[in-house]
Protein backbone atom coordinates (compact mmCIF):
# COMPACT_ATOMS: atom_id res chain seq x y z
CA MET A 1 6.31 -14.18 -8.85
CA THR A 2 6.88 -10.99 -7.10
CA GLN A 3 10.61 -8.89 -6.61
CA VAL A 4 8.78 -7.29 -4.44
CA SER A 5 9.03 -6.86 -1.03
CA ASN A 6 6.50 -7.84 1.93
CA TRP A 7 4.98 -5.35 3.01
CA PHE A 8 4.19 -6.64 6.99
CA GLU A 9 7.69 -7.89 6.84
CA ARG A 10 9.31 -4.39 6.10
CA LYS A 11 11.46 -2.70 8.89
CA PHE A 12 11.15 1.22 9.54
CA ASP A 13 14.84 3.22 11.02
CA PHE A 14 13.09 6.50 11.46
CA SER A 15 16.31 8.20 12.96
CA PHE A 16 16.68 10.27 10.10
CA PRO A 17 16.68 13.97 11.07
CA ALA A 18 13.02 15.71 11.00
CA ASP A 19 14.11 18.75 7.75
CA LEU A 20 13.51 15.71 5.80
CA ARG A 21 9.99 16.96 6.38
CA PRO A 22 10.46 19.23 3.02
CA ASP A 23 12.12 15.69 1.41
CA LEU A 24 9.11 13.76 1.85
CA CYS A 25 6.30 16.09 1.23
CA ILE A 26 7.22 16.42 -2.38
CA ARG A 27 8.11 12.72 -2.48
CA LEU A 28 4.31 11.44 -1.74
CA ARG A 29 3.46 15.33 -4.26
CA GLY A 30 5.46 13.52 -6.80
CA THR A 31 3.78 9.69 -6.12
CA PRO A 32 0.60 10.76 -8.45
CA ALA A 33 2.69 11.94 -11.53
CA ARG A 34 4.78 8.51 -11.05
CA LEU A 35 2.04 6.96 -11.31
CA GLU A 36 0.76 8.32 -14.46
CA GLU A 37 3.45 7.73 -15.99
CA ILE A 38 4.09 3.81 -14.69
CA VAL A 39 0.90 3.58 -16.01
CA ARG A 40 0.60 5.91 -19.37
CA GLY A 41 -0.47 3.76 -22.80
CA THR A 42 -0.61 0.45 -20.40
CA PRO A 43 -4.19 -1.44 -22.39
CA ARG A 44 -6.91 -1.54 -20.24
CA GLU A 45 -6.40 -5.16 -20.50
CA ARG A 46 -3.10 -6.18 -18.26
CA MET A 47 -4.41 -3.04 -15.80
CA VAL A 48 -7.18 -5.07 -15.17
CA ALA A 49 -5.89 -8.31 -15.11
CA ALA A 50 -5.22 -10.17 -11.90
CA PRO A 51 -2.94 -13.38 -10.20
CA VAL A 52 -4.95 -15.83 -9.05
CA ASN A 53 -5.90 -14.23 -5.19
CA LYS A 54 -4.34 -10.91 -5.98
CA TRP A 55 -5.11 -7.16 -6.50
CA SER A 56 -4.98 -6.19 -10.45
CA ALA A 57 -2.23 -2.96 -10.81
CA GLN A 58 -5.41 -1.76 -11.65
CA GLU A 59 -5.54 -2.22 -7.86
CA HIS A 60 -3.01 -1.16 -6.50
CA ALA A 61 -3.81 2.22 -7.87
CA GLY A 62 -7.10 1.93 -6.20
CA HIS A 63 -5.16 0.87 -3.11
CA LEU A 64 -3.22 3.77 -3.08
CA LEU A 65 -6.17 6.52 -3.21
CA SER A 66 -7.97 4.32 -0.93
CA LEU A 67 -5.08 4.73 1.84
CA GLU A 68 -5.26 8.87 1.08
CA SER A 69 -8.06 8.77 3.79
CA LEU A 70 -6.18 6.87 6.49
CA TRP A 71 -3.14 9.32 5.49
CA LEU A 72 -4.85 12.52 6.45
CA ALA A 73 -6.98 11.11 9.35
CA ARG A 74 -2.91 10.32 10.78
CA VAL A 75 -1.84 13.91 10.05
CA GLU A 76 -5.34 14.76 11.52
CA ASP A 77 -4.45 13.24 14.69
CA TYR A 78 -0.40 14.33 15.76
CA ILE A 79 -2.32 17.87 14.99
CA ALA A 80 -4.90 16.90 17.91
CA ASP A 81 -2.64 15.03 19.57
CA ARG A 82 -5.03 11.65 19.53
CA GLY A 83 -2.14 9.66 21.51
CA GLN A 84 -2.43 7.03 18.82
CA LEU A 85 -2.30 6.76 15.51
CA THR A 86 -5.57 6.20 13.53
CA VAL A 87 -5.56 1.90 13.33
CA ALA A 88 -5.13 1.30 9.11
CA ASP A 89 -7.75 -1.76 8.44
CA LEU A 90 -5.42 -4.64 7.48
CA THR A 91 -8.07 -6.28 5.87
CA ASN A 92 -7.74 -3.85 3.22
CA ARG A 93 -12.15 -4.15 2.91
CA PRO A 94 -12.15 -0.79 1.67
CA THR A 95 -10.22 -1.17 -1.72
CA PHE A 96 -12.00 -4.73 -2.01
CA GLU A 97 -15.49 -2.77 -1.76
CA ALA A 98 -14.33 0.03 -4.22
CA ARG A 99 -14.28 -2.83 -7.78
CA TYR A 100 -11.54 -0.86 -8.99
CA ASN A 101 -11.10 -2.95 -12.07
CA ASP A 102 -15.30 -1.67 -12.83
CA ARG A 103 -13.94 1.99 -12.54
CA ASP A 104 -12.65 4.05 -15.18
CA LEU A 105 -8.64 4.52 -14.86
CA GLY A 106 -8.32 8.01 -15.35
CA GLU A 107 -11.07 8.48 -13.05
CA ILE A 108 -8.59 6.55 -10.47
CA LEU A 109 -5.81 8.73 -10.94
CA ALA A 110 -7.69 11.80 -10.69
CA ASP A 111 -9.05 10.86 -7.53
CA PHE A 112 -6.14 9.99 -6.45
CA ARG A 113 -4.40 12.86 -7.65
CA LYS A 114 -6.25 15.27 -5.65
CA ALA A 115 -7.12 13.68 -2.29
CA ARG A 116 -2.77 13.45 -1.98
CA LEU A 117 -2.71 17.16 -3.51
CA ASP A 118 -5.70 17.68 -0.66
CA MET A 119 -2.93 16.11 2.26
CA VAL A 120 0.14 17.79 0.85
CA ASN A 121 -1.96 21.21 0.66
CA ARG A 122 -2.94 20.70 4.65
CA LEU A 123 0.62 19.24 5.62
CA ALA A 124 2.05 22.98 3.57
CA SER A 125 -0.01 24.26 6.44
CA LEU A 126 1.20 23.41 9.38
CA ASN A 127 3.61 24.60 11.63
CA PRO A 128 6.85 22.71 11.14
CA ALA A 129 7.92 22.08 15.08
CA LEU A 130 4.89 19.65 14.50
CA PHE A 131 7.11 17.20 12.06
CA GLY A 132 8.43 16.40 15.22
CA ARG A 133 5.08 14.91 17.50
CA VAL A 134 4.76 11.88 18.50
CA LEU A 135 2.44 9.10 18.83
CA PRO A 136 2.52 5.23 19.26
CA HIS A 137 2.14 3.49 15.61
CA PRO A 138 -1.06 0.58 16.54
CA ARG A 139 1.15 -2.20 14.36
CA LEU A 140 4.36 -1.21 14.68
CA LYS A 141 3.66 -0.41 18.09
CA THR A 142 7.02 1.67 17.53
CA PRO A 143 7.05 5.46 18.41
CA MET A 144 6.05 7.62 15.41
CA ARG A 145 7.30 11.39 14.61
CA LEU A 146 5.25 13.24 12.03
CA VAL A 147 8.18 13.63 9.29
CA ASP A 148 7.96 9.59 10.35
CA HIS A 149 5.01 8.96 8.96
CA LEU A 150 5.15 10.91 5.94
CA PHE A 151 8.30 8.43 4.62
CA PHE A 152 5.83 5.44 5.98
CA ALA A 153 3.59 6.62 3.27
CA ALA A 154 6.35 7.52 1.01
CA GLU A 155 7.55 3.83 1.25
CA HIS A 156 3.81 2.60 0.75
CA ASP A 157 3.76 4.38 -2.25
CA ASP A 158 6.70 2.83 -3.84
CA HIS A 159 6.19 -0.10 -2.54
CA HIS A 160 2.72 -0.80 -4.21
CA LEU A 161 4.05 1.29 -7.87
CA ALA A 162 6.92 -0.86 -7.51
CA ILE A 163 4.63 -3.88 -7.68
CA ILE A 164 2.39 -2.27 -10.63
CA TRP A 165 6.28 -1.24 -12.31
CA GLU A 166 6.32 -5.76 -12.07
CA MET A 167 3.44 -6.42 -13.37
CA ILE A 168 2.79 -4.38 -16.75
CA ARG A 169 6.06 -4.42 -17.42
CA GLY A 170 6.39 -8.19 -16.87
């Protein structure tokens, strides 16, 4: 039984100031390194072992990679002022279809690092005033600033890192 809270039951407080943008960008930039450190030296058998009807630690790592396209699409939603954030596939079909347990962990980690750095570099190119732009989040039904989206993505990262840590460290 996991001690990590259910992601879909989490509540978020977005009352912090938009000037936390640099802190959140560096937190997001550091996720690949934290993931690599957590899984370093873990035997493949442990990484791909999955509880019944649950993802393995390696699939959780792959899920972080799968969501990079969503996070970047939402950044682009703010830039284009599209009116609502891109809707997530709550069935996590891309994660299941990617068959991450059949892939090399090093490849997953490298792809995640590249995708995350692409997003962080995109964020660095933006006018700081854009981080206060508000769009509604489709699932949470709440207005979110771009800086809130970064916090949400960072919290999602930490949620899966905690699960991975719990799975491989027991």
